[in-house]
Amino acid sequence: DLQPVRNILQFLLDEFRDKPVDVRVFEQISDQVYL
């Protein structure tokens, strides 16, 4: 099941490709990060 990885990649591309990483934003997808 690569869906959690797929979700994280999509999230990274949407949120951080054009701006610095803010670790706090990962709280929005904490379940996917855990999986």
PDB file of all heavy atoms in Angstrom:
ATOM      1  N   ASP A   1       0.844  -1.200   0.000  1.00  0.00           N
ATOM      2  CA  ASP A   1       0.000   0.000   0.000  1.00  0.00           C
ATOM      3  C   ASP A   1       0.877   1.246   0.000  1.00  0.00           C
ATOM      4  O   ASP A   1       1.436   1.628   1.030  1.00  0.00           O
ATOM      5  CB  ASP A   1      -0.914  -0.007   1.230  1.00  0.00           C
ATOM      6  CG  ASP A   1      -1.842   1.208   1.264  1.00  0.00           C
ATOM      7  OD1 ASP A   1      -1.943   1.896   0.213  1.00  0.00           O
ATOM      8  OD2 ASP A   1      -2.435   1.474   2.320  1.00  0.00           O
ATOM      9  N   LEU A   2       1.023   1.865  -1.150  1.00  0.00           N
ATOM     10  CA  LEU A   2       1.831   3.086  -1.273  1.00  0.00           C
ATOM     11  C   LEU A   2       0.987   4.359  -1.136  1.00  0.00           C
ATOM     12  O   LEU A   2       1.497   5.458  -1.341  1.00  0.00           O
ATOM     13  CB  LEU A   2       2.559   3.100  -2.628  1.00  0.00           C
ATOM     14  CG  LEU A   2       3.820   2.234  -2.710  1.00  0.00           C
ATOM     15  CD1 LEU A   2       4.324   2.169  -4.153  1.00  0.00           C
ATOM     16  CD2 LEU A   2       4.917   2.756  -1.791  1.00  0.00           C
ATOM     17  N   GLN A   3      -0.289   4.202  -0.792  1.00  0.00           N
ATOM     18  CA  GLN A   3      -1.151   5.384  -0.726  1.00  0.00           C
ATOM     19  C   GLN A   3      -0.667   6.419   0.301  1.00  0.00           C
ATOM     20  O   GLN A   3      -0.678   7.621   0.007  1.00  0.00           O
ATOM     21  CB  GLN A   3      -2.602   4.977  -0.433  1.00  0.00           C
ATOM     22  CG  GLN A   3      -3.617   6.113  -0.659  1.00  0.00           C
ATOM     23  CD  GLN A   3      -3.556   6.678  -2.070  1.00  0.00           C
ATOM     24  OE1 GLN A   3      -3.493   5.934  -3.050  1.00  0.00           O
ATOM     25  NE2 GLN A   3      -3.567   8.005  -2.180  1.00  0.00           N
ATOM     26  N   PRO A   4      -0.235   6.014   1.514  1.00  0.00           N
ATOM     27  CA  PRO A   4       0.278   7.025   2.444  1.00  0.00           C
ATOM     28  C   PRO A   4       1.464   7.805   1.882  1.00  0.00           C
ATOM     29  O   PRO A   4       1.567   9.016   2.061  1.00  0.00           O
ATOM     30  CB  PRO A   4       0.693   6.196   3.675  1.00  0.00           C
ATOM     31  CG  PRO A   4      -0.152   4.981   3.607  1.00  0.00           C
ATOM     32  CD  PRO A   4      -0.304   4.685   2.140  1.00  0.00           C
ATOM     33  N   VAL A   5       2.363   7.107   1.165  1.00  0.00           N
ATOM     34  CA  VAL A   5       3.506   7.788   0.553  1.00  0.00           C
ATOM     35  C   VAL A   5       3.017   8.737  -0.536  1.00  0.00           C
ATOM     36  O   VAL A   5       3.485   9.876  -0.659  1.00  0.00           O
ATOM     37  CB  VAL A   5       4.495   6.761  -0.042  1.00  0.00           C
ATOM     38  CG1 VAL A   5       5.697   7.474  -0.654  1.00  0.00           C
ATOM     39  CG2 VAL A   5       4.946   5.782   1.021  1.00  0.00           C
ATOM     40  N   ARG A   6       2.073   8.272  -1.341  1.00  0.00           N
ATOM     41  CA  ARG A   6       1.497   9.094  -2.409  1.00  0.00           C
ATOM     42  C   ARG A   6       0.868  10.372  -1.819  1.00  0.00           C
ATOM     43  O   ARG A   6       1.066  11.472  -2.343  1.00  0.00           O
ATOM     44  CB  ARG A   6       0.467   8.280  -3.179  1.00  0.00           C
ATOM     45  CG  ARG A   6      -0.085   8.982  -4.412  1.00  0.00           C
ATOM     46  CD  ARG A   6      -1.049   8.083  -5.171  1.00  0.00           C
ATOM     47  NE  ARG A   6      -0.375   7.015  -5.892  1.00  0.00           N
ATOM     48  CZ  ARG A   6      -0.351   5.735  -5.531  1.00  0.00           C
ATOM     49  NH1 ARG A   6      -0.982   5.349  -4.423  1.00  0.00           N
ATOM     50  NH2 ARG A   6       0.284   4.832  -6.254  1.00  0.00           N
ATOM     51  N   ASN A   7       0.165  10.211  -0.704  1.00  0.00           N
ATOM     52  CA  ASN A   7      -0.463  11.373  -0.062  1.00  0.00           C
ATOM     53  C   ASN A   7       0.577  12.378   0.430  1.00  0.00           C
ATOM     54  O   ASN A   7       0.415  13.593   0.282  1.00  0.00           O
ATOM     55  CB  ASN A   7      -1.335  10.919   1.118  1.00  0.00           C
ATOM     56  CG  ASN A   7      -2.561  10.131   0.672  1.00  0.00           C
ATOM     57  OD1 ASN A   7      -2.939  10.176  -0.500  1.00  0.00           O
ATOM     58  ND2 ASN A   7      -3.168   9.394   1.586  1.00  0.00           N
ATOM     59  N   ILE A   8       1.658  11.841   1.030  1.00  0.00           N
ATOM     60  CA  ILE A   8       2.717  12.722   1.539  1.00  0.00           C
ATOM     61  C   ILE A   8       3.394  13.469   0.391  1.00  0.00           C
ATOM     62  O   ILE A   8       3.657  14.674   0.477  1.00  0.00           O
ATOM     63  CB  ILE A   8       3.774  11.914   2.330  1.00  0.00           C
ATOM     64  CG1 ILE A   8       3.161  11.334   3.591  1.00  0.00           C
ATOM     65  CG2 ILE A   8       4.964  12.791   2.682  1.00  0.00           C
ATOM     66  CD1 ILE A   8       2.796  12.354   4.643  1.00  0.00           C
ATOM     67  N   LEU A   9       3.695  12.758  -0.696  1.00  0.00           N
ATOM     68  CA  LEU A   9       4.338  13.399  -1.847  1.00  0.00           C
ATOM     69  C   LEU A   9       3.457  14.514  -2.413  1.00  0.00           C
ATOM     70  O   LEU A   9       3.943  15.609  -2.715  1.00  0.00           O
ATOM     71  CB  LEU A   9       4.637  12.358  -2.935  1.00  0.00           C
ATOM     72  CG  LEU A   9       5.814  11.417  -2.678  1.00  0.00           C
ATOM     73  CD1 LEU A   9       5.891  10.359  -3.778  1.00  0.00           C
ATOM     74  CD2 LEU A   9       7.124  12.195  -2.611  1.00  0.00           C
ATOM     75  N   GLN A  10       2.171  14.232  -2.538  1.00  0.00           N
ATOM     76  CA  GLN A  10       1.246  15.243  -3.039  1.00  0.00           C
ATOM     77  C   GLN A  10       1.223  16.458  -2.105  1.00  0.00           C
ATOM     78  O   GLN A  10       1.255  17.612  -2.556  1.00  0.00           O
ATOM     79  CB  GLN A  10      -0.170  14.657  -3.152  1.00  0.00           C
ATOM     80  CG  GLN A  10      -1.205  15.617  -3.747  1.00  0.00           C
ATOM     81  CD  GLN A  10      -0.897  15.947  -5.201  1.00  0.00           C
ATOM     82  OE1 GLN A  10      -0.819  15.042  -6.041  1.00  0.00           O
ATOM     83  NE2 GLN A  10      -0.703  17.226  -5.503  1.00  0.00           N
ATOM     84  N   PHE A  11       1.212  16.177  -0.817  1.00  0.00           N
ATOM     85  CA  PHE A  11       1.194  17.248   0.181  1.00  0.00           C
ATOM     86  C   PHE A  11       2.473  18.092   0.089  1.00  0.00           C
ATOM     87  O   PHE A  11       2.427  19.326   0.124  1.00  0.00           O
ATOM     88  CB  PHE A  11       1.050  16.625   1.572  1.00  0.00           C
ATOM     89  CG  PHE A  11       0.977  17.619   2.692  1.00  0.00           C
ATOM     90  CD1 PHE A  11      -0.187  18.347   2.927  1.00  0.00           C
ATOM     91  CD2 PHE A  11       2.073  17.834   3.519  1.00  0.00           C
ATOM     92  CE1 PHE A  11      -0.261  19.253   3.969  1.00  0.00           C
ATOM     93  CE2 PHE A  11       2.009  18.735   4.558  1.00  0.00           C
ATOM     94  CZ  PHE A  11       0.837  19.449   4.785  1.00  0.00           C
ATOM     95  N   LEU A  12       3.614  17.428  -0.028  1.00  0.00           N
ATOM     96  CA  LEU A  12       4.894  18.139  -0.136  1.00  0.00           C
ATOM     97  C   LEU A  12       4.932  19.036  -1.368  1.00  0.00           C
ATOM     98  O   LEU A  12       5.364  20.191  -1.314  1.00  0.00           O
ATOM     99  CB  LEU A  12       6.055  17.142  -0.176  1.00  0.00           C
ATOM    100  CG  LEU A  12       6.366  16.390   1.123  1.00  0.00           C
ATOM    101  CD1 LEU A  12       7.362  15.270   0.858  1.00  0.00           C
ATOM    102  CD2 LEU A  12       6.916  17.344   2.173  1.00  0.00           C
ATOM    103  N   LEU A  13       4.489  18.503  -2.500  1.00  0.00           N
ATOM    104  CA  LEU A  13       4.507  19.277  -3.739  1.00  0.00           C
ATOM    105  C   LEU A  13       3.562  20.471  -3.667  1.00  0.00           C
ATOM    106  O   LEU A  13       3.873  21.559  -4.159  1.00  0.00           O
ATOM    107  CB  LEU A  13       4.149  18.376  -4.926  1.00  0.00           C
ATOM    108  CG  LEU A  13       5.169  17.281  -5.272  1.00  0.00           C
ATOM    109  CD1 LEU A  13       4.630  16.391  -6.372  1.00  0.00           C
ATOM    110  CD2 LEU A  13       6.496  17.893  -5.692  1.00  0.00           C
ATOM    111  N   ASP A  14       2.421  20.269  -3.050  1.00  0.00           N
ATOM    112  CA  ASP A  14       1.443  21.358  -2.946  1.00  0.00           C
ATOM    113  C   ASP A  14       1.878  22.435  -1.952  1.00  0.00           C
ATOM    114  O   ASP A  14       1.713  23.628  -2.195  1.00  0.00           O
ATOM    115  CB  ASP A  14       0.072  20.810  -2.522  1.00  0.00           C
ATOM    116  CG  ASP A  14      -0.595  19.997  -3.620  1.00  0.00           C
ATOM    117  OD1 ASP A  14      -0.190  20.151  -4.790  1.00  0.00           O
ATOM    118  OD2 ASP A  14      -1.505  19.203  -3.296  1.00  0.00           O
ATOM    119  N   GLU A  15       2.437  21.988  -0.818  1.00  0.00           N
ATOM    120  CA  GLU A  15       2.694  22.927   0.276  1.00  0.00           C
ATOM    121  C   GLU A  15       4.084  23.563   0.251  1.00  0.00           C
ATOM    122  O   GLU A  15       4.254  24.705   0.656  1.00  0.00           O
ATOM    123  CB  GLU A  15       2.514  22.207   1.626  1.00  0.00           C
ATOM    124  CG  GLU A  15       1.084  21.805   1.925  1.00  0.00           C
ATOM    125  CD  GLU A  15       0.201  23.020   2.208  1.00  0.00           C
ATOM    126  OE1 GLU A  15       0.721  24.035   2.705  1.00  0.00           O
ATOM    127  OE2 GLU A  15      -1.010  22.942   1.926  1.00  0.00           O
ATOM    128  N   PHE A  16       5.092  22.804  -0.204  1.00  0.00           N
ATOM    129  CA  PHE A  16       6.465  23.247   0.032  1.00  0.00           C
ATOM    130  C   PHE A  16       7.304  23.467  -1.217  1.00  0.00           C
ATOM    131  O   PHE A  16       8.454  23.868  -1.106  1.00  0.00           O
ATOM    132  CB  PHE A  16       7.194  22.234   0.935  1.00  0.00           C
ATOM    133  CG  PHE A  16       6.515  22.017   2.256  1.00  0.00           C
ATOM    134  CD1 PHE A  16       6.258  20.744   2.717  1.00  0.00           C
ATOM    135  CD2 PHE A  16       6.142  23.098   3.038  1.00  0.00           C
ATOM    136  CE1 PHE A  16       5.636  20.536   3.943  1.00  0.00           C
ATOM    137  CE2 PHE A  16       5.526  22.906   4.261  1.00  0.00           C
ATOM    138  CZ  PHE A  16       5.276  21.625   4.719  1.00  0.00           C
ATOM    139  N   ARG A  17       6.783  23.185  -2.388  1.00  0.00           N
ATOM    140  CA  ARG A  17       7.636  23.319  -3.561  1.00  0.00           C
ATOM    141  C   ARG A  17       8.107  24.746  -3.760  1.00  0.00           C
ATOM    142  O   ARG A  17       9.227  24.999  -4.224  1.00  0.00           O
ATOM    143  CB  ARG A  17       6.915  22.831  -4.816  1.00  0.00           C
ATOM    144  CG  ARG A  17       7.866  22.439  -5.945  1.00  0.00           C
ATOM    145  CD  ARG A  17       7.209  22.552  -7.304  1.00  0.00           C
ATOM    146  NE  ARG A  17       6.902  23.940  -7.639  1.00  0.00           N
ATOM    147  CZ  ARG A  17       6.378  24.343  -8.781  1.00  0.00           C
ATOM    148  NH1 ARG A  17       6.091  23.452  -9.710  1.00  0.00           N
ATOM    149  NH2 ARG A  17       6.135  25.607  -9.019  1.00  0.00           N
ATOM    150  N   ASP A  18       7.268  25.728  -3.416  1.00  0.00           N
ATOM    151  CA  ASP A  18       7.594  27.127  -3.678  1.00  0.00           C
ATOM    152  C   ASP A  18       7.827  27.937  -2.411  1.00  0.00           C
ATOM    153  O   ASP A  18       7.888  29.164  -2.465  1.00  0.00           O
ATOM    154  CB  ASP A  18       6.460  27.784  -4.484  1.00  0.00           C
ATOM    155  CG  ASP A  18       6.242  27.077  -5.815  1.00  0.00           C
ATOM    156  OD1 ASP A  18       7.245  26.795  -6.483  1.00  0.00           O
ATOM    157  OD2 ASP A  18       5.079  26.795  -6.159  1.00  0.00           O
ATOM    158  N   LYS A  19       7.957  27.274  -1.246  1.00  0.00           N
ATOM    159  CA  LYS A  19       8.169  28.021  -0.011  1.00  0.00           C
ATOM    160  C   LYS A  19       8.892  27.139   0.996  1.00  0.00           C
ATOM    161  O   LYS A  19       8.903  25.911   0.864  1.00  0.00           O
ATOM    162  CB  LYS A  19       6.830  28.509   0.559  1.00  0.00           C
ATOM    163  CG  LYS A  19       5.821  27.408   0.843  1.00  0.00           C
ATOM    164  CD  LYS A  19       4.470  27.990   1.244  1.00  0.00           C
ATOM    165  CE  LYS A  19       3.447  26.873   1.441  1.00  0.00           C
ATOM    166  NZ  LYS A  19       2.103  27.393   1.752  1.00  0.00           N
ATOM    167  N   PRO A  20       9.515  27.735   2.021  1.00  0.00           N
ATOM    168  CA  PRO A  20      10.254  26.939   3.015  1.00  0.00           C
ATOM    169  C   PRO A  20       9.348  25.969   3.758  1.00  0.00           C
ATOM    170  O   PRO A  20       8.151  26.196   3.910  1.00  0.00           O
ATOM    171  CB  PRO A  20      10.819  28.007   3.971  1.00  0.00           C
ATOM    172  CG  PRO A  20      10.819  29.268   3.179  1.00  0.00           C
ATOM    173  CD  PRO A  20       9.655  29.179   2.235  1.00  0.00           C
ATOM    174  N   VAL A  21       9.959  24.896   4.241  1.00  0.00           N
ATOM    175  CA  VAL A  21       9.212  23.862   4.969  1.00  0.00           C
ATOM    176  C   VAL A  21       8.834  24.367   6.359  1.00  0.00           C
ATOM    177  O   VAL A  21       9.662  24.903   7.086  1.00  0.00           O
ATOM    178  CB  VAL A  21      10.055  22.573   5.094  1.00  0.00           C
ATOM    179  CG1 VAL A  21       9.363  21.569   6.002  1.00  0.00           C
ATOM    180  CG2 VAL A  21      10.307  21.969   3.723  1.00  0.00           C
ATOM    181  N   ASP A  22       7.574  24.199   6.731  1.00  0.00           N
ATOM    182  CA  ASP A  22       7.088  24.493   8.069  1.00  0.00           C
ATOM    183  C   ASP A  22       6.591  23.174   8.659  1.00  0.00           C
ATOM    184  O   ASP A  22       5.545  22.655   8.253  1.00  0.00           O
ATOM    185  CB  ASP A  22       5.959  25.527   8.025  1.00  0.00           C
ATOM    186  CG  ASP A  22       5.463  25.910   9.416  1.00  0.00           C
ATOM    187  OD1 ASP A  22       5.879  25.247  10.388  1.00  0.00           O
ATOM    188  OD2 ASP A  22       4.652  26.850   9.519  1.00  0.00           O
ATOM    189  N   VAL A  23       7.370  22.628   9.607  1.00  0.00           N
ATOM    190  CA  VAL A  23       7.066  21.304  10.157  1.00  0.00           C
ATOM    191  C   VAL A  23       5.674  21.261  10.783  1.00  0.00           C
ATOM    192  O   VAL A  23       4.989  20.238  10.757  1.00  0.00           O
ATOM    193  CB  VAL A  23       8.140  20.900  11.199  1.00  0.00           C
ATOM    194  CG1 VAL A  23       7.791  19.552  11.832  1.00  0.00           C
ATOM    195  CG2 VAL A  23       9.510  20.827  10.548  1.00  0.00           C
ATOM    196  N   ARG A  24       5.218  22.393  11.326  1.00  0.00           N
ATOM    197  CA  ARG A  24       3.908  22.416  11.984  1.00  0.00           C
ATOM    198  C   ARG A  24       2.767  22.070  11.023  1.00  0.00           C
ATOM    199  O   ARG A  24       1.730  21.544  11.437  1.00  0.00           O
ATOM    200  CB  ARG A  24       3.657  23.797  12.591  1.00  0.00           C
ATOM    201  CG  ARG A  24       4.572  24.110  13.782  1.00  0.00           C
ATOM    202  CD  ARG A  24       4.440  25.568  14.190  1.00  0.00           C
ATOM    203  NE  ARG A  24       4.864  26.447  13.101  1.00  0.00           N
ATOM    204  CZ  ARG A  24       4.860  27.778  13.191  1.00  0.00           C
ATOM    205  NH1 ARG A  24       4.439  28.368  14.293  1.00  0.00           N
ATOM    206  NH2 ARG A  24       5.261  28.511  12.172  1.00  0.00           N
ATOM    207  N   VAL A  25       2.982  22.343   9.754  1.00  0.00           N
ATOM    208  CA  VAL A  25       1.938  22.064   8.765  1.00  0.00           C
ATOM    209  C   VAL A  25       1.657  20.566   8.667  1.00  0.00           C
ATOM    210  O   VAL A  25       0.566  20.148   8.294  1.00  0.00           O
ATOM    211  CB  VAL A  25       2.336  22.643   7.385  1.00  0.00           C
ATOM    212  CG1 VAL A  25       1.276  22.338   6.327  1.00  0.00           C
ATOM    213  CG2 VAL A  25       2.538  24.154   7.485  1.00  0.00           C
ATOM    214  N   PHE A  26       2.649  19.738   9.025  1.00  0.00           N
ATOM    215  CA  PHE A  26       2.465  18.288   8.941  1.00  0.00           C
ATOM    216  C   PHE A  26       1.389  17.785   9.902  1.00  0.00           C
ATOM    217  O   PHE A  26       0.915  16.662   9.759  1.00  0.00           O
ATOM    218  CB  PHE A  26       3.796  17.571   9.221  1.00  0.00           C
ATOM    219  CG  PHE A  26       4.700  17.514   8.033  1.00  0.00           C
ATOM    220  CD1 PHE A  26       5.726  18.432   7.881  1.00  0.00           C
ATOM    221  CD2 PHE A  26       4.523  16.556   7.046  1.00  0.00           C
ATOM    222  CE1 PHE A  26       6.563  18.389   6.794  1.00  0.00           C
ATOM    223  CE2 PHE A  26       5.357  16.502   5.945  1.00  0.00           C
ATOM    224  CZ  PHE A  26       6.380  17.431   5.812  1.00  0.00           C
ATOM    225  N   GLU A  27       1.032  18.621  10.884  1.00  0.00           N
ATOM    226  CA  GLU A  27      -0.038  18.211  11.802  1.00  0.00           C
ATOM    227  C   GLU A  27      -1.347  17.959  11.043  1.00  0.00           C
ATOM    228  O   GLU A  27      -2.185  17.176  11.484  1.00  0.00           O
ATOM    229  CB  GLU A  27      -0.249  19.285  12.871  1.00  0.00           C
ATOM    230  CG  GLU A  27       0.934  19.431  13.814  1.00  0.00           C
ATOM    231  CD  GLU A  27       0.758  20.585  14.784  1.00  0.00           C
ATOM    232  OE1 GLU A  27      -0.336  21.216  14.765  1.00  0.00           O
ATOM    233  OE2 GLU A  27       1.685  20.865  15.554  1.00  0.00           O
ATOM    234  N   GLN A  28      -1.502  18.616   9.893  1.00  0.00           N
ATOM    235  CA  GLN A  28      -2.728  18.440   9.094  1.00  0.00           C
ATOM    236  C   GLN A  28      -2.869  17.011   8.589  1.00  0.00           C
ATOM    237  O   GLN A  28      -3.976  16.535   8.335  1.00  0.00           O
ATOM    238  CB  GLN A  28      -2.724  19.396   7.893  1.00  0.00           C
ATOM    239  CG  GLN A  28      -2.654  20.870   8.265  1.00  0.00           C
ATOM    240  CD  GLN A  28      -2.470  21.732   7.022  1.00  0.00           C
ATOM    241  OE1 GLN A  28      -2.760  21.303   5.910  1.00  0.00           O
ATOM    242  NE2 GLN A  28      -1.991  22.943   7.198  1.00  0.00           N
ATOM    243  N   ILE A  29      -1.754  16.332   8.415  1.00  0.00           N
ATOM    244  CA  ILE A  29      -1.812  14.971   7.852  1.00  0.00           C
ATOM    245  C   ILE A  29      -1.091  13.990   8.766  1.00  0.00           C
ATOM    246  O   ILE A  29      -0.404  13.087   8.298  1.00  0.00           O
ATOM    247  CB  ILE A  29      -1.204  14.939   6.432  1.00  0.00           C
ATOM    248  CG1 ILE A  29       0.199  15.547   6.437  1.00  0.00           C
ATOM    249  CG2 ILE A  29      -2.090  15.622   5.429  1.00  0.00           C
ATOM    250  CD1 ILE A  29       0.988  15.223   5.191  1.00  0.00           C
ATOM    251  N   SER A  30      -1.227  14.183  10.063  1.00  0.00           N
ATOM    252  CA  SER A  30      -0.496  13.362  11.018  1.00  0.00           C
ATOM    253  C   SER A  30      -0.790  11.869  10.855  1.00  0.00           C
ATOM    254  O   SER A  30       0.091  11.027  11.037  1.00  0.00           O
ATOM    255  CB  SER A  30      -0.804  13.803  12.451  1.00  0.00           C
ATOM    256  OG  SER A  30      -2.202  13.738  12.682  1.00  0.00           O
ATOM    257  N   ASP A  31      -2.026  11.524  10.504  1.00  0.00           N
ATOM    258  CA  ASP A  31      -2.375  10.106  10.339  1.00  0.00           C
ATOM    259  C   ASP A  31      -1.600   9.470   9.193  1.00  0.00           C
ATOM    260  O   ASP A  31      -1.091   8.357   9.305  1.00  0.00           O
ATOM    261  CB  ASP A  31      -3.880   9.952  10.085  1.00  0.00           C
ATOM    262  CG  ASP A  31      -4.712  10.293  11.315  1.00  0.00           C
ATOM    263  OD1 ASP A  31      -4.130  10.306  12.420  1.00  0.00           O
ATOM    264  OD2 ASP A  31      -5.913  10.561  11.163  1.00  0.00           O
ATOM    265  N   GLN A  32      -1.508  10.217   8.053  1.00  0.00           N
ATOM    266  CA  GLN A  32      -0.772   9.690   6.903  1.00  0.00           C
ATOM    267  C   GLN A  32       0.725   9.561   7.210  1.00  0.00           C
ATOM    268  O   GLN A  32       1.381   8.606   6.792  1.00  0.00           O
ATOM    269  CB  GLN A  32      -0.963  10.594   5.674  1.00  0.00           C
ATOM    270  CG  GLN A  32      -2.352  10.495   5.058  1.00  0.00           C
ATOM    271  CD  GLN A  32      -3.270  11.580   5.608  1.00  0.00           C
ATOM    272  OE1 GLN A  32      -3.187  11.933   6.780  1.00  0.00           O
ATOM    273  NE2 GLN A  32      -4.135  12.104   4.749  1.00  0.00           N
ATOM    274  N   VAL A  33       1.257  10.546   7.957  1.00  0.00           N
ATOM    275  CA  VAL A  33       2.677  10.491   8.334  1.00  0.00           C
ATOM    276  C   VAL A  33       2.934   9.263   9.201  1.00  0.00           C
ATOM    277  O   VAL A  33       3.916   8.533   9.003  1.00  0.00           O
ATOM    278  CB  VAL A  33       3.090  11.781   9.081  1.00  0.00           C
ATOM    279  CG1 VAL A  33       4.511  11.641   9.635  1.00  0.00           C
ATOM    280  CG2 VAL A  33       3.010  12.984   8.151  1.00  0.00           C
ATOM    281  N   TYR A  34       2.026   9.025  10.157  1.00  0.00           N
ATOM    282  CA  TYR A  34       2.169   7.855  11.036  1.00  0.00           C
ATOM    283  C   TYR A  34       2.160   6.558  10.224  1.00  0.00           C
ATOM    284  O   TYR A  34       3.001   5.674  10.415  1.00  0.00           O
ATOM    285  CB  TYR A  34       1.050   7.844  12.073  1.00  0.00           C
ATOM    286  CG  TYR A  34       1.040   6.605  12.918  1.00  0.00           C
ATOM    287  CD1 TYR A  34       1.956   6.441  13.962  1.00  0.00           C
ATOM    288  CD2 TYR A  34       0.137   5.569  12.652  1.00  0.00           C
ATOM    289  CE1 TYR A  34       1.950   5.285  14.732  1.00  0.00           C
ATOM    290  CE2 TYR A  34       0.134   4.418  13.421  1.00  0.00           C
ATOM    291  CZ  TYR A  34       1.044   4.282  14.462  1.00  0.00           C
ATOM    292  OH  TYR A  34       1.049   3.138  15.206  1.00  0.00           O
ATOM    293  N   LEU A  35       1.202   6.430   9.308  1.00  0.00           N
ATOM    294  CA  LEU A  35       1.111   5.221   8.486  1.00  0.00           C
ATOM    295  C   LEU A  35       2.356   5.022   7.634  1.00  0.00           C
ATOM    296  O   LEU A  35       2.854   3.905   7.486  1.00  0.00           O
ATOM    297  CB  LEU A  35      -0.124   5.298   7.575  1.00  0.00           C
ATOM    298  CG  LEU A  35      -1.484   5.050   8.238  1.00  0.00           C
ATOM    299  CD1 LEU A  35      -2.608   5.375   7.261  1.00  0.00           C
ATOM    300  CD2 LEU A  35      -1.578   3.601   8.718  1.00  0.00           C
TER     301      LEU A  35
END
